[in-house]
Amino acid sequence: MMMKAEVNSDELLADSLQIDNYLKQKKKYCSAIFLQDMKKEFSSYLRRYNQASPSLQFRVFLFTAVYGQKIKRALDESEEVNYVECA
């Protein structure tokens, strides 16, 4: 059982790096394909993040400064974005 918990935490930590990269790229890219992919990844990650223990959520925050409300806010903002080119 302990081994499975470690794998899940490692996966969540690794995926938090990907989410952090999406958050940085979101400022530069507004293509419909990018936004759709981002929303899919964020939703999947947020579901797993919310199932994690508070201590694991804190480790993720220390590792990448990614936390649930930040992801939720980015998802909400992406819903409001009209698919137009960035200036």
N, C-alpha and C. Protein backbone atom coordinates (compact mmCIF):
# COMPACT_ATOMS: atom_id res chain seq x y z
N MET A 1 0.82 -1.19 0.00
CA MET A 1 0.00 0.00 0.00
C MET A 1 0.86 1.25 0.00
N MET A 2 1.94 1.25 0.76
CA MET A 2 2.82 2.41 0.83
C MET A 2 3.43 2.71 -0.53
N MET A 3 3.79 1.67 -1.29
CA MET A 3 4.39 1.87 -2.60
C MET A 3 3.42 2.59 -3.53
N LYS A 4 2.15 2.23 -3.51
CA LYS A 4 1.17 2.85 -4.38
C LYS A 4 1.01 4.33 -4.03
N ALA A 5 1.01 4.66 -2.74
CA ALA A 5 0.88 6.05 -2.32
C ALA A 5 2.06 6.88 -2.82
N GLU A 6 3.26 6.29 -2.80
CA GLU A 6 4.43 7.00 -3.28
C GLU A 6 4.34 7.26 -4.78
N VAL A 7 3.86 6.27 -5.54
CA VAL A 7 3.72 6.43 -6.98
C VAL A 7 2.73 7.55 -7.27
N ASN A 8 1.61 7.56 -6.58
CA ASN A 8 0.62 8.61 -6.80
C ASN A 8 1.18 9.99 -6.46
N SER A 9 1.94 10.08 -5.38
CA SER A 9 2.50 11.38 -5.01
C SER A 9 3.54 11.81 -6.04
N ASP A 10 4.36 10.87 -6.52
CA ASP A 10 5.35 11.21 -7.54
C ASP A 10 4.67 11.67 -8.82
N GLU A 11 3.59 10.97 -9.21
CA GLU A 11 2.86 11.36 -10.42
C GLU A 11 2.24 12.74 -10.25
N LEU A 12 1.67 12.99 -9.09
CA LEU A 12 1.04 14.29 -8.85
C LEU A 12 2.09 15.40 -8.86
N LEU A 13 3.24 15.15 -8.26
CA LEU A 13 4.31 16.15 -8.27
C LEU A 13 4.81 16.41 -9.69
N ALA A 14 4.98 15.34 -10.47
CA ALA A 14 5.43 15.50 -11.85
C ALA A 14 4.38 16.24 -12.68
N ASP A 15 3.12 15.88 -12.50
CA ASP A 15 2.05 16.55 -13.24
C ASP A 15 1.91 18.01 -12.82
N SER A 16 2.27 18.33 -11.58
CA SER A 16 2.19 19.73 -11.15
C SER A 16 3.18 20.59 -11.93
N LEU A 17 4.31 20.01 -12.34
CA LEU A 17 5.25 20.75 -13.19
C LEU A 17 4.62 21.06 -14.54
N GLN A 18 3.91 20.08 -15.09
CA GLN A 18 3.23 20.28 -16.37
C GLN A 18 2.15 21.35 -16.24
N ILE A 19 1.40 21.33 -15.16
CA ILE A 19 0.36 22.33 -14.93
C ILE A 19 0.99 23.71 -14.80
N ASP A 20 2.11 23.79 -14.10
CA ASP A 20 2.82 25.06 -13.94
C ASP A 20 3.25 25.59 -15.31
N ASN A 21 3.72 24.70 -16.19
CA ASN A 21 4.10 25.11 -17.54
C ASN A 21 2.89 25.61 -18.33
N TYR A 22 1.76 24.92 -18.21
CA TYR A 22 0.53 25.38 -18.87
C TYR A 22 0.16 26.78 -18.39
N LEU A 23 0.27 27.02 -17.09
CA LEU A 23 -0.08 28.33 -16.55
C LEU A 23 0.81 29.42 -17.13
N LYS A 24 2.09 29.11 -17.32
CA LYS A 24 3.02 30.09 -17.90
C LYS A 24 2.73 30.30 -19.38
N GLN A 25 2.44 29.22 -20.11
CA GLN A 25 2.16 29.32 -21.54
C GLN A 25 0.83 29.99 -21.82
N LYS A 26 -0.10 29.86 -20.90
CA LYS A 26 -1.43 30.44 -21.07
C LYS A 26 -1.37 31.94 -21.31
N LYS A 27 -0.35 32.58 -20.78
CA LYS A 27 -0.20 34.03 -20.95
C LYS A 27 0.19 34.39 -22.38
N LYS A 28 0.76 33.42 -23.13
CA LYS A 28 1.26 33.70 -24.47
C LYS A 28 0.39 33.13 -25.59
N TYR A 29 -0.29 32.02 -25.32
CA TYR A 29 -1.01 31.31 -26.37
C TYR A 29 -2.51 31.29 -26.08
N CYS A 30 -3.28 31.65 -27.09
CA CYS A 30 -4.74 31.66 -26.93
C CYS A 30 -5.43 30.80 -27.98
N SER A 31 -4.71 29.90 -28.61
CA SER A 31 -5.35 29.08 -29.64
C SER A 31 -6.39 28.17 -29.02
N ALA A 32 -7.40 27.86 -29.79
CA ALA A 32 -8.49 27.00 -29.31
C ALA A 32 -7.97 25.62 -28.93
N ILE A 33 -7.04 25.10 -29.71
CA ILE A 33 -6.49 23.77 -29.44
C ILE A 33 -5.73 23.77 -28.11
N PHE A 34 -4.91 24.80 -27.90
CA PHE A 34 -4.16 24.89 -26.65
C PHE A 34 -5.11 25.00 -25.46
N LEU A 35 -6.12 25.85 -25.57
CA LEU A 35 -7.05 26.04 -24.46
C LEU A 35 -7.86 24.78 -24.16
N GLN A 36 -8.25 24.05 -25.20
CA GLN A 36 -8.98 22.79 -24.98
C GLN A 36 -8.10 21.77 -24.27
N ASP A 37 -6.87 21.65 -24.72
CA ASP A 37 -5.93 20.71 -24.10
C ASP A 37 -5.66 21.11 -22.66
N MET A 38 -5.49 22.41 -22.43
CA MET A 38 -5.23 22.91 -21.09
C MET A 38 -6.40 22.59 -20.15
N LYS A 39 -7.62 22.84 -20.62
CA LYS A 39 -8.79 22.57 -19.79
C LYS A 39 -8.90 21.09 -19.44
N LYS A 40 -8.61 20.23 -20.41
CA LYS A 40 -8.66 18.79 -20.16
C LYS A 40 -7.63 18.39 -19.12
N GLU A 41 -6.41 18.87 -19.26
CA GLU A 41 -5.35 18.54 -18.31
C GLU A 41 -5.65 19.10 -16.92
N PHE A 42 -6.11 20.35 -16.87
CA PHE A 42 -6.41 20.98 -15.58
C PHE A 42 -7.52 20.24 -14.86
N SER A 43 -8.56 19.85 -15.57
CA SER A 43 -9.68 19.14 -14.94
C SER A 43 -9.23 17.81 -14.37
N SER A 44 -8.46 17.07 -15.14
CA SER A 44 -7.95 15.78 -14.68
C SER A 44 -7.04 15.95 -13.46
N TYR A 45 -6.14 16.92 -13.54
CA TYR A 45 -5.21 17.16 -12.44
C TYR A 45 -5.96 17.62 -11.19
N LEU A 46 -6.89 18.52 -11.36
CA LEU A 46 -7.63 19.07 -10.22
C LEU A 46 -8.41 17.98 -9.48
N ARG A 47 -8.96 17.05 -10.23
CA ARG A 47 -9.69 15.93 -9.62
C ARG A 47 -8.74 15.09 -8.74
N ARG A 48 -7.55 14.78 -9.27
CA ARG A 48 -6.58 14.00 -8.49
C ARG A 48 -6.01 14.81 -7.33
N TYR A 49 -5.78 16.10 -7.56
CA TYR A 49 -5.25 16.97 -6.51
C TYR A 49 -6.23 17.05 -5.34
N ASN A 50 -7.51 17.18 -5.63
CA ASN A 50 -8.51 17.27 -4.57
C ASN A 50 -8.65 15.98 -3.77
N GLN A 51 -8.28 14.86 -4.36
CA GLN A 51 -8.34 13.57 -3.67
C GLN A 51 -7.09 13.33 -2.81
N ALA A 52 -6.06 14.12 -3.03
CA ALA A 52 -4.81 13.95 -2.29
C ALA A 52 -4.96 14.44 -0.85
N SER A 53 -4.12 13.92 0.00
CA SER A 53 -4.13 14.34 1.40
C SER A 53 -3.65 15.79 1.51
N PRO A 54 -4.02 16.48 2.57
CA PRO A 54 -3.55 17.86 2.76
C PRO A 54 -2.02 17.97 2.78
N SER A 55 -1.35 16.97 3.34
CA SER A 55 0.12 17.02 3.37
C SER A 55 0.70 16.90 1.96
N LEU A 56 0.09 16.07 1.11
CA LEU A 56 0.56 15.96 -0.27
C LEU A 56 0.25 17.24 -1.04
N GLN A 57 -0.91 17.82 -0.82
CA GLN A 57 -1.23 19.09 -1.47
C GLN A 57 -0.21 20.15 -1.09
N PHE A 58 0.20 20.16 0.17
CA PHE A 58 1.19 21.13 0.62
C PHE A 58 2.54 20.86 -0.03
N ARG A 59 2.93 19.59 -0.17
CA ARG A 59 4.19 19.26 -0.85
C ARG A 59 4.16 19.73 -2.30
N VAL A 60 3.02 19.56 -2.96
CA VAL A 60 2.88 20.04 -4.34
C VAL A 60 3.07 21.55 -4.39
N PHE A 61 2.44 22.25 -3.45
CA PHE A 61 2.57 23.71 -3.40
C PHE A 61 4.03 24.11 -3.19
N LEU A 62 4.73 23.46 -2.28
CA LEU A 62 6.14 23.78 -2.05
C LEU A 62 6.99 23.48 -3.27
N PHE A 63 6.63 22.44 -4.01
CA PHE A 63 7.40 22.00 -5.18
C PHE A 63 7.21 22.93 -6.37
N THR A 64 5.97 23.38 -6.60
CA THR A 64 5.70 24.16 -7.82
C THR A 64 4.86 25.41 -7.60
N ALA A 65 4.43 25.67 -6.39
CA ALA A 65 3.53 26.80 -6.10
C ALA A 65 2.19 26.65 -6.82
N VAL A 66 1.82 25.42 -7.15
CA VAL A 66 0.51 25.13 -7.74
C VAL A 66 -0.41 24.69 -6.62
N TYR A 67 -1.60 25.26 -6.60
CA TYR A 67 -2.59 24.88 -5.58
C TYR A 67 -3.97 24.88 -6.22
N GLY A 68 -4.92 24.25 -5.55
CA GLY A 68 -6.24 24.02 -6.11
C GLY A 68 -6.95 25.26 -6.61
N GLN A 69 -6.99 26.31 -5.80
CA GLN A 69 -7.71 27.52 -6.19
C GLN A 69 -7.07 28.19 -7.41
N LYS A 70 -5.76 28.11 -7.53
CA LYS A 70 -5.07 28.69 -8.69
C LYS A 70 -5.50 27.97 -9.97
N ILE A 71 -5.59 26.66 -9.90
CA ILE A 71 -6.01 25.88 -11.07
C ILE A 71 -7.48 26.14 -11.38
N LYS A 72 -8.30 26.17 -10.35
CA LYS A 72 -9.74 26.44 -10.53
C LYS A 72 -9.95 27.80 -11.17
N ARG A 73 -9.21 28.80 -10.71
CA ARG A 73 -9.32 30.15 -11.28
C ARG A 73 -8.91 30.16 -12.75
N ALA A 74 -7.83 29.45 -13.08
CA ALA A 74 -7.38 29.37 -14.48
C ALA A 74 -8.43 28.67 -15.34
N LEU A 75 -9.07 27.63 -14.81
CA LEU A 75 -10.15 26.96 -15.54
C LEU A 75 -11.32 27.90 -15.77
N ASP A 76 -11.71 28.63 -14.74
CA ASP A 76 -12.82 29.58 -14.86
C ASP A 76 -12.50 30.66 -15.89
N GLU A 77 -11.27 31.17 -15.87
CA GLU A 77 -10.87 32.20 -16.82
C GLU A 77 -10.88 31.66 -18.25
N SER A 78 -10.47 30.41 -18.42
CA SER A 78 -10.43 29.84 -19.77
C SER A 78 -11.84 29.65 -20.32
N GLU A 79 -12.83 29.49 -19.46
CA GLU A 79 -14.22 29.39 -19.91
C GLU A 79 -14.70 30.73 -20.46
N GLU A 80 -14.16 31.82 -19.94
CA GLU A 80 -14.59 33.16 -20.35
C GLU A 80 -13.89 33.65 -21.61
N VAL A 81 -12.77 33.01 -21.95
CA VAL A 81 -11.97 33.48 -23.07
C VAL A 81 -12.67 33.17 -24.39
N ASN A 82 -12.81 34.18 -25.21
CA ASN A 82 -13.24 33.96 -26.58
C ASN A 82 -12.00 33.57 -27.36
N TYR A 83 -12.15 32.66 -28.29
CA TYR A 83 -10.99 32.16 -29.00
C TYR A 83 -10.53 33.18 -30.04
N VAL A 84 -9.79 34.15 -29.56
CA VAL A 84 -9.23 35.18 -30.42
C VAL A 84 -7.72 35.15 -30.27
N GLU A 85 -7.05 35.74 -31.23
CA GLU A 85 -5.60 35.77 -31.16
C GLU A 85 -5.15 36.73 -30.08
N CYS A 86 -4.07 36.39 -29.43
CA CYS A 86 -3.49 37.28 -28.42
C CYS A 86 -2.82 38.45 -29.12
N ALA A 87 -2.83 39.57 -28.46
CA ALA A 87 -2.18 40.76 -29.02
C ALA A 87 -0.70 40.71 -28.76
